[in-house]
Amino acid sequence: MEKRLLDIVVCPFCKGKLHYDKKTQELICNFDKLAFPIRNNIPIMLLEQARSLNDDEKQKVK
């Protein structure tokens, strides 16, 4: 994931900054507790494609 793209992509719901999780290839919104997948270097910023963070993951992003 290019740093340049990370600087401009925001959460489509709260418009907040996203954190790139290289291990899972996801963009994480700490506020909404959602993970957006990255497929073929393209972030998929649709609610239908996002997953809610599980309880363990929510504790890590506090």
PDB file of N, CA and C in Angstrom:
ATOM      1  N   MET A   1       0.852  -1.185   0.000  1.00  0.00           N
ATOM      2  CA  MET A   1       0.000   0.000   0.000  1.00  0.00           C
ATOM      3  C   MET A   1       0.890   1.237   0.000  1.00  0.00           C
ATOM      4  N   GLU A   2       0.655   2.101  -0.940  1.00  0.00           N
ATOM      5  CA  GLU A   2       1.476   3.295  -1.073  1.00  0.00           C
ATOM      6  C   GLU A   2       1.173   4.315   0.023  1.00  0.00           C
ATOM      7  N   LYS A   3       2.231   4.880   0.605  1.00  0.00           N
ATOM      8  CA  LYS A   3       2.075   5.890   1.653  1.00  0.00           C
ATOM      9  C   LYS A   3       1.292   7.086   1.127  1.00  0.00           C
ATOM     10  N   ARG A   4       1.519   7.430  -0.113  1.00  0.00           N
ATOM     11  CA  ARG A   4       0.830   8.572  -0.724  1.00  0.00           C
ATOM     12  C   ARG A   4      -0.688   8.366  -0.703  1.00  0.00           C
ATOM     13  N   LEU A   5      -1.122   7.134  -0.981  1.00  0.00           N
ATOM     14  CA  LEU A   5      -2.553   6.826  -0.967  1.00  0.00           C
ATOM     15  C   LEU A   5      -3.087   6.844   0.465  1.00  0.00           C
ATOM     16  N   LEU A   6      -2.305   6.331   1.406  1.00  0.00           N
ATOM     17  CA  LEU A   6      -2.729   6.320   2.808  1.00  0.00           C
ATOM     18  C   LEU A   6      -2.958   7.730   3.347  1.00  0.00           C
ATOM     19  N   ASP A   7      -2.214   8.682   2.822  1.00  0.00           N
ATOM     20  CA  ASP A   7      -2.341  10.067   3.281  1.00  0.00           C
ATOM     21  C   ASP A   7      -3.661  10.705   2.862  1.00  0.00           C
ATOM     22  N   ILE A   8      -4.297  10.180   1.819  1.00  0.00           N
ATOM     23  CA  ILE A   8      -5.527  10.827   1.334  1.00  0.00           C
ATOM     24  C   ILE A   8      -6.792  10.008   1.576  1.00  0.00           C
ATOM     25  N   VAL A   9      -6.658   8.700   1.811  1.00  0.00           N
ATOM     26  CA  VAL A   9      -7.841   7.854   2.031  1.00  0.00           C
ATOM     27  C   VAL A   9      -8.318   8.021   3.464  1.00  0.00           C
ATOM     28  N   VAL A  10      -9.625   8.223   3.627  1.00  0.00           N
ATOM     29  CA  VAL A  10     -10.230   8.358   4.958  1.00  0.00           C
ATOM     30  C   VAL A  10     -11.414   7.404   5.070  1.00  0.00           C
ATOM     31  N   CYS A  11     -11.875   7.199   6.282  1.00  0.00           N
ATOM     32  CA  CYS A  11     -13.051   6.372   6.508  1.00  0.00           C
ATOM     33  C   CYS A  11     -14.252   7.023   5.808  1.00  0.00           C
ATOM     34  N   PRO A  12     -15.015   6.255   5.036  1.00  0.00           N
ATOM     35  CA  PRO A  12     -16.155   6.844   4.328  1.00  0.00           C
ATOM     36  C   PRO A  12     -17.303   7.254   5.251  1.00  0.00           C
ATOM     37  N   PHE A  13     -17.263   6.847   6.506  1.00  0.00           N
ATOM     38  CA  PHE A  13     -18.353   7.147   7.427  1.00  0.00           C
ATOM     39  C   PHE A  13     -18.024   8.313   8.351  1.00  0.00           C
ATOM     40  N   CYS A  14     -16.905   8.230   9.065  1.00  0.00           N
ATOM     41  CA  CYS A  14     -16.564   9.294  10.017  1.00  0.00           C
ATOM     42  C   CYS A  14     -15.549  10.291   9.448  1.00  0.00           C
ATOM     43  N   LYS A  15     -14.998   9.973   8.276  1.00  0.00           N
ATOM     44  CA  LYS A  15     -13.979  10.801   7.605  1.00  0.00           C
ATOM     45  C   LYS A  15     -12.672  10.861   8.395  1.00  0.00           C
ATOM     46  N   GLY A  16     -12.480   9.894   9.286  1.00  0.00           N
ATOM     47  CA  GLY A  16     -11.274   9.843  10.110  1.00  0.00           C
ATOM     48  C   GLY A  16     -10.124   9.130   9.417  1.00  0.00           C
ATOM     49  N   LYS A  17      -8.965   9.284  10.006  1.00  0.00           N
ATOM     50  CA  LYS A  17      -7.742   8.670   9.501  1.00  0.00           C
ATOM     51  C   LYS A  17      -7.819   7.154   9.656  1.00  0.00           C
ATOM     52  N   LEU A  18      -7.221   6.449   8.715  1.00  0.00           N
ATOM     53  CA  LEU A  18      -7.201   4.988   8.730  1.00  0.00           C
ATOM     54  C   LEU A  18      -5.793   4.486   9.021  1.00  0.00           C
ATOM     55  N   HIS A  19      -5.733   3.338   9.661  1.00  0.00           N
ATOM     56  CA  HIS A  19      -4.457   2.685   9.965  1.00  0.00           C
ATOM     57  C   HIS A  19      -4.307   1.484   9.054  1.00  0.00           C
ATOM     58  N   TYR A  20      -3.140   1.367   8.423  1.00  0.00           N
ATOM     59  CA  TYR A  20      -2.866   0.250   7.514  1.00  0.00           C
ATOM     60  C   TYR A  20      -2.312  -0.923   8.306  1.00  0.00           C
ATOM     61  N   ASP A  21      -3.002  -2.063   8.227  1.00  0.00           N
ATOM     62  CA  ASP A  21      -2.535  -3.299   8.854  1.00  0.00           C
ATOM     63  C   ASP A  21      -1.942  -4.168   7.745  1.00  0.00           C
ATOM     64  N   LYS A  22      -0.627  -4.169   7.690  1.00  0.00           N
ATOM     65  CA  LYS A  22       0.076  -4.888   6.622  1.00  0.00           C
ATOM     66  C   LYS A  22      -0.184  -6.389   6.697  1.00  0.00           C
ATOM     67  N   LYS A  23      -0.267  -6.921   7.913  1.00  0.00           N
ATOM     68  CA  LYS A  23      -0.454  -8.364   8.107  1.00  0.00           C
ATOM     69  C   LYS A  23      -1.773  -8.847   7.508  1.00  0.00           C
ATOM     70  N   THR A  24      -2.858  -8.129   7.761  1.00  0.00           N
ATOM     71  CA  THR A  24      -4.178  -8.551   7.290  1.00  0.00           C
ATOM     72  C   THR A  24      -4.587  -7.904   5.970  1.00  0.00           C
ATOM     73  N   GLN A  25      -3.763  -6.951   5.488  1.00  0.00           N
ATOM     74  CA  GLN A  25      -4.073  -6.215   4.262  1.00  0.00           C
ATOM     75  C   GLN A  25      -5.431  -5.528   4.381  1.00  0.00           C
ATOM     76  N   GLU A  26      -5.557  -4.729   5.458  1.00  0.00           N
ATOM     77  CA  GLU A  26      -6.799  -3.999   5.720  1.00  0.00           C
ATOM     78  C   GLU A  26      -6.482  -2.586   6.167  1.00  0.00           C
ATOM     79  N   LEU A  27      -7.443  -1.701   5.945  1.00  0.00           N
ATOM     80  CA  LEU A  27      -7.397  -0.357   6.496  1.00  0.00           C
ATOM     81  C   LEU A  27      -8.355  -0.333   7.677  1.00  0.00           C
ATOM     82  N   ILE A  28      -7.866   0.082   8.835  1.00  0.00           N
ATOM     83  CA  ILE A  28      -8.627   0.024  10.083  1.00  0.00           C
ATOM     84  C   ILE A  28      -9.084   1.421  10.485  1.00  0.00           C
ATOM     85  N   CYS A  29     -10.374   1.546  10.786  1.00  0.00           N
ATOM     86  CA  CYS A  29     -10.923   2.777  11.357  1.00  0.00           C
ATOM     87  C   CYS A  29     -11.083   2.543  12.854  1.00  0.00           C
ATOM     88  N   ASN A  30     -10.264   3.227  13.651  1.00  0.00           N
ATOM     89  CA  ASN A  30     -10.325   3.053  15.104  1.00  0.00           C
ATOM     90  C   ASN A  30     -11.634   3.575  15.689  1.00  0.00           C
ATOM     91  N   PHE A  31     -12.181   4.629  15.122  1.00  0.00           N
ATOM     92  CA  PHE A  31     -13.405   5.212  15.662  1.00  0.00           C
ATOM     93  C   PHE A  31     -14.615   4.313  15.425  1.00  0.00           C
ATOM     94  N   ASP A  32     -14.788   3.847  14.189  1.00  0.00           N
ATOM     95  CA  ASP A  32     -15.950   3.021  13.850  1.00  0.00           C
ATOM     96  C   ASP A  32     -15.723   1.534  14.094  1.00  0.00           C
ATOM     97  N   LYS A  33     -14.471   1.172  14.423  1.00  0.00           N
ATOM     98  CA  LYS A  33     -14.109  -0.241  14.692  1.00  0.00           C
ATOM     99  C   LYS A  33     -14.434  -1.125  13.487  1.00  0.00           C
ATOM    100  N   LEU A  34     -14.019  -0.641  12.297  1.00  0.00           N
ATOM    101  CA  LEU A  34     -14.231  -1.370  11.045  1.00  0.00           C
ATOM    102  C   LEU A  34     -12.900  -1.614  10.358  1.00  0.00           C
ATOM    103  N   ALA A  35     -12.835  -2.711   9.614  1.00  0.00           N
ATOM    104  CA  ALA A  35     -11.659  -3.046   8.817  1.00  0.00           C
ATOM    105  C   ALA A  35     -12.087  -3.162   7.359  1.00  0.00           C
ATOM    106  N   PHE A  36     -11.471  -2.356   6.516  1.00  0.00           N
ATOM    107  CA  PHE A  36     -11.772  -2.359   5.087  1.00  0.00           C
ATOM    108  C   PHE A  36     -10.692  -3.156   4.357  1.00  0.00           C
ATOM    109  N   PRO A  37     -11.080  -4.114   3.530  1.00  0.00           N
ATOM    110  CA  PRO A  37     -10.081  -4.954   2.850  1.00  0.00           C
ATOM    111  C   PRO A  37      -9.352  -4.205   1.737  1.00  0.00           C
ATOM    112  N   ILE A  38      -8.149  -4.678   1.455  1.00  0.00           N
ATOM    113  CA  ILE A  38      -7.374  -4.190   0.320  1.00  0.00           C
ATOM    114  C   ILE A  38      -7.177  -5.378  -0.605  1.00  0.00           C
ATOM    115  N   ARG A  39      -7.634  -5.239  -1.824  1.00  0.00           N
ATOM    116  CA  ARG A  39      -7.513  -6.314  -2.810  1.00  0.00           C
ATOM    117  C   ARG A  39      -6.787  -5.784  -4.036  1.00  0.00           C
ATOM    118  N   ASN A  40      -5.724  -6.451  -4.420  1.00  0.00           N
ATOM    119  CA  ASN A  40      -4.911  -6.023  -5.578  1.00  0.00           C
ATOM    120  C   ASN A  40      -4.473  -4.564  -5.448  1.00  0.00           C
ATOM    121  N   ASN A  41      -4.056  -4.200  -4.232  1.00  0.00           N
ATOM    122  CA  ASN A  41      -3.610  -2.837  -3.906  1.00  0.00           C
ATOM    123  C   ASN A  41      -4.701  -1.778  -4.034  1.00  0.00           C
ATOM    124  N   ILE A  42      -5.965  -2.201  -4.019  1.00  0.00           N
ATOM    125  CA  ILE A  42      -7.088  -1.261  -4.099  1.00  0.00           C
ATOM    126  C   ILE A  42      -7.918  -1.383  -2.819  1.00  0.00           C
ATOM    127  N   PRO A  43      -8.029  -0.292  -2.040  1.00  0.00           N
ATOM    128  CA  PRO A  43      -8.868  -0.335  -0.846  1.00  0.00           C
ATOM    129  C   PRO A  43     -10.346  -0.397  -1.232  1.00  0.00           C
ATOM    130  N   ILE A  44     -11.059  -1.320  -0.620  1.00  0.00           N
ATOM    131  CA  ILE A  44     -12.491  -1.478  -0.869  1.00  0.00           C
ATOM    132  C   ILE A  44     -13.222  -0.775   0.280  1.00  0.00           C
ATOM    133  N   MET A  45     -13.708   0.421   0.014  1.00  0.00           N
ATOM    134  CA  MET A  45     -14.266   1.284   1.050  1.00  0.00           C
ATOM    135  C   MET A  45     -15.795   1.233   1.100  1.00  0.00           C
ATOM    136  N   LEU A  46     -16.354   0.052   1.012  1.00  0.00           N
ATOM    137  CA  LEU A  46     -17.798  -0.141   1.056  1.00  0.00           C
ATOM    138  C   LEU A  46     -18.190  -0.817   2.365  1.00  0.00           C
ATOM    139  N   LEU A  47     -19.283  -0.361   2.974  1.00  0.00           N
ATOM    140  CA  LEU A  47     -19.739  -0.944   4.227  1.00  0.00           C
ATOM    141  C   LEU A  47     -20.022  -2.432   4.073  1.00  0.00           C
ATOM    142  N   GLU A  48     -20.555  -2.824   2.924  1.00  0.00           N
ATOM    143  CA  GLU A  48     -20.874  -4.235   2.695  1.00  0.00           C
ATOM    144  C   GLU A  48     -19.623  -5.114   2.694  1.00  0.00           C
ATOM    145  N   GLN A  49     -18.479  -4.546   2.382  1.00  0.00           N
ATOM    146  CA  GLN A  49     -17.222  -5.290   2.324  1.00  0.00           C
ATOM    147  C   GLN A  49     -16.410  -5.172   3.615  1.00  0.00           C
ATOM    148  N   ALA A  50     -16.739  -4.204   4.446  1.00  0.00           N
ATOM    149  CA  ALA A  50     -16.014  -4.009   5.709  1.00  0.00           C
ATOM    150  C   ALA A  50     -16.436  -5.062   6.718  1.00  0.00           C
ATOM    151  N   ARG A  51     -15.524  -5.338   7.638  1.00  0.00           N
ATOM    152  CA  ARG A  51     -15.872  -6.246   8.732  1.00  0.00           C
ATOM    153  C   ARG A  51     -15.703  -5.506  10.044  1.00  0.00           C
ATOM    154  N   SER A  52     -16.532  -5.868  11.009  1.00  0.00           N
ATOM    155  CA  SER A  52     -16.401  -5.301  12.344  1.00  0.00           C
ATOM    156  C   SER A  52     -15.233  -5.963  13.041  1.00  0.00           C
ATOM    157  N   LEU A  53     -14.494  -5.167  13.789  1.00  0.00           N
ATOM    158  CA  LEU A  53     -13.390  -5.735  14.547  1.00  0.00           C
ATOM    159  C   LEU A  53     -13.940  -6.596  15.676  1.00  0.00           C
ATOM    160  N   ASN A  54     -13.269  -7.706  15.959  1.00  0.00           N
ATOM    161  CA  ASN A  54     -13.704  -8.553  17.073  1.00  0.00           C
ATOM    162  C   ASN A  54     -13.251  -7.922  18.395  1.00  0.00           C
ATOM    163  N   ASP A  55     -13.681  -8.474  19.505  1.00  0.00           N
ATOM    164  CA  ASP A  55     -13.402  -7.871  20.818  1.00  0.00           C
ATOM    165  C   ASP A  55     -11.911  -7.717  21.090  1.00  0.00           C
ATOM    166  N   ASP A  56     -11.109  -8.709  20.720  1.00  0.00           N
ATOM    167  CA  ASP A  56      -9.655  -8.626  20.925  1.00  0.00           C
ATOM    168  C   ASP A  56      -9.065  -7.490  20.108  1.00  0.00           C
ATOM    169  N   GLU A  57      -9.496  -7.352  18.878  1.00  0.00           N
ATOM    170  CA  GLU A  57      -8.995  -6.299  18.007  1.00  0.00           C
ATOM    171  C   GLU A  57      -9.423  -4.916  18.523  1.00  0.00           C
ATOM    172  N   LYS A  58     -10.646  -4.829  19.040  1.00  0.00           N
ATOM    173  CA  LYS A  58     -11.126  -3.541  19.579  1.00  0.00           C
ATOM    174  C   LYS A  58     -10.278  -3.095  20.754  1.00  0.00           C
ATOM    175  N   GLN A  59      -9.845  -4.027  21.593  1.00  0.00           N
ATOM    176  CA  GLN A  59      -9.000  -3.692  22.733  1.00  0.00           C
ATOM    177  C   GLN A  59      -7.651  -3.142  22.278  1.00  0.00           C
ATOM    178  N   LYS A  60      -7.128  -3.662  21.191  1.00  0.00           N
ATOM    179  CA  LYS A  60      -5.824  -3.219  20.682  1.00  0.00           C
ATOM    180  C   LYS A  60      -5.857  -1.817  20.126  1.00  0.00           C
ATOM    181  N   VAL A  61      -6.987  -1.378  19.589  1.00  0.00           N
ATOM    182  CA  VAL A  61      -7.044  -0.069  18.934  1.00  0.00           C
ATOM    183  C   VAL A  61      -7.508   1.053  19.856  1.00  0.00           C
ATOM    184  N   LYS A  62      -7.776   0.774  21.084  1.00  0.00           N
ATOM    185  CA  LYS A  62      -8.219   1.834  22.019  1.00  0.00           C
ATOM    186  C   LYS A  62      -7.137   2.840  22.286  1.00  0.00           C
TER     187      LYS A  62
END
